Protein backbone atom coordinates (compact mmCIF):
# COMPACT_ATOMS: atom_id res chain seq x y z
CA MET A 1 193.11 -53.94 282.42
CA LYS A 2 189.58 -52.81 283.59
CA GLN A 3 191.07 -49.96 285.33
CA SER A 4 193.06 -49.01 282.49
CA VAL A 5 189.76 -48.40 280.78
CA LEU A 6 188.30 -46.53 283.83
CA VAL A 7 191.85 -44.51 284.21
CA LEU A 8 191.22 -43.61 280.96
CA TRP A 9 187.97 -42.04 281.42
CA VAL A 10 189.06 -40.19 284.40
CA ALA A 11 191.82 -38.72 282.09
CA VAL A 12 189.78 -37.38 279.62
CA ILE A 13 187.17 -36.22 281.50
CA ALA A 14 189.55 -34.54 283.50
CA GLY A 15 191.21 -32.97 280.32
CA SER A 16 187.81 -31.81 278.78
CA VAL A 17 187.03 -29.70 282.19
CA LEU A 18 190.47 -28.78 283.45
CA ALA A 19 192.75 -27.97 280.19
CA SER A 20 192.26 -25.92 277.27
CA GLY A 21 193.44 -25.47 273.97
CA ILE A 22 194.37 -28.81 272.00
CA LEU A 23 194.86 -30.54 274.81
CA ALA A 24 190.86 -29.99 275.65
CA THR A 25 189.94 -30.57 272.56
CA ILE A 26 192.06 -34.12 271.88
CA SER A 27 190.30 -34.72 275.62
CA GLN A 28 186.71 -34.05 274.10
CA VAL A 29 187.51 -36.21 271.06
CA VAL A 30 188.90 -38.98 272.72
CA PHE A 31 185.54 -38.67 275.06
CA ALA A 32 183.29 -38.86 272.19
CA LEU A 33 185.00 -41.78 270.28
CA LEU A 34 184.88 -43.77 273.64
CA PHE A 35 181.39 -42.96 274.50
CA VAL A 36 180.33 -43.97 270.93
CA ALA A 37 182.26 -46.93 270.70
CA HIS A 38 181.04 -48.83 273.73
CA LEU A 39 177.34 -47.09 273.46
CA ALA A 40 177.54 -49.05 269.96
CA GLU A 41 179.11 -52.33 272.00
CA PHE A 42 175.95 -52.36 274.20
CA PHE A 43 173.61 -52.78 271.18
CA VAL A 44 175.85 -55.24 269.54
CA LYS A 45 176.63 -57.54 272.55
CA LYS A 46 172.64 -56.97 274.10
CA GLU A 47 171.93 -60.43 273.53
CA VAL A 48 174.81 -61.53 275.34
CA LEU A 49 174.17 -59.09 278.28
CA THR A 50 170.44 -60.55 278.28
CA LYS A 51 171.52 -64.27 278.29
CA ALA A 52 174.04 -63.30 281.28
CA GLY A 53 170.89 -62.21 283.34
CA GLY A 54 170.77 -59.08 286.20
CA SER A 55 169.94 -55.50 285.54
CA MET A 56 170.28 -54.38 282.14
CA GLY A 57 170.84 -50.67 283.29
CA ASN A 58 174.18 -52.20 285.42
CA HIS A 59 175.13 -53.98 282.01
CA PHE A 60 174.56 -50.80 280.30
CA VAL A 61 176.53 -48.53 282.79
CA GLN A 62 179.13 -51.55 282.86
CA THR A 63 180.00 -51.49 279.28
CA LEU A 64 179.75 -47.76 278.82
CA ILE A 65 182.52 -47.91 281.52
CA TYR A 66 184.48 -50.82 280.51
CA GLY A 67 183.52 -51.91 277.06
CA MET A 68 184.44 -55.61 275.97
CA PHE A 69 186.12 -55.98 279.72
CA HIS A 70 182.43 -56.25 280.74
CA TRP A 71 180.78 -58.32 278.46
CA GLN A 72 183.85 -60.55 276.81
CA PRO A 73 183.86 -62.73 280.22
CA LEU A 74 180.16 -62.82 280.05
CA GLU A 75 180.70 -64.09 276.67
CA ASP A 76 183.35 -66.56 277.21
CA ALA A 77 181.31 -68.29 279.93
CA GLN A 78 178.24 -68.70 277.82
CA ASN A 79 180.37 -70.21 275.33
CA GLY A 80 181.93 -72.53 277.64
CA ASN A 81 185.39 -70.73 276.99
CA ASP A 82 185.52 -69.66 281.00
CA THR A 83 189.23 -68.34 280.92
CA SER A 84 189.08 -66.29 284.70
CA SER A 85 191.83 -67.76 286.56
């Protein structure tokens, strides 16, 4: 699932740079929405990321790229709901 978000990022960046007209506009809007949503996620889940330890810079980049696919497993592990198998 994590890779699908990365593919979406690559697609909207490519669409913003390489496309023209309505496709470029749609790509730019999706890029902006992804960026704002993932930025908000970082600040909302900052406590989870702090408790997880490690570099906050890394957590910031990972959350900007992957969003909940980065912080959800960390939160689950902290709550004892480790579902990774």
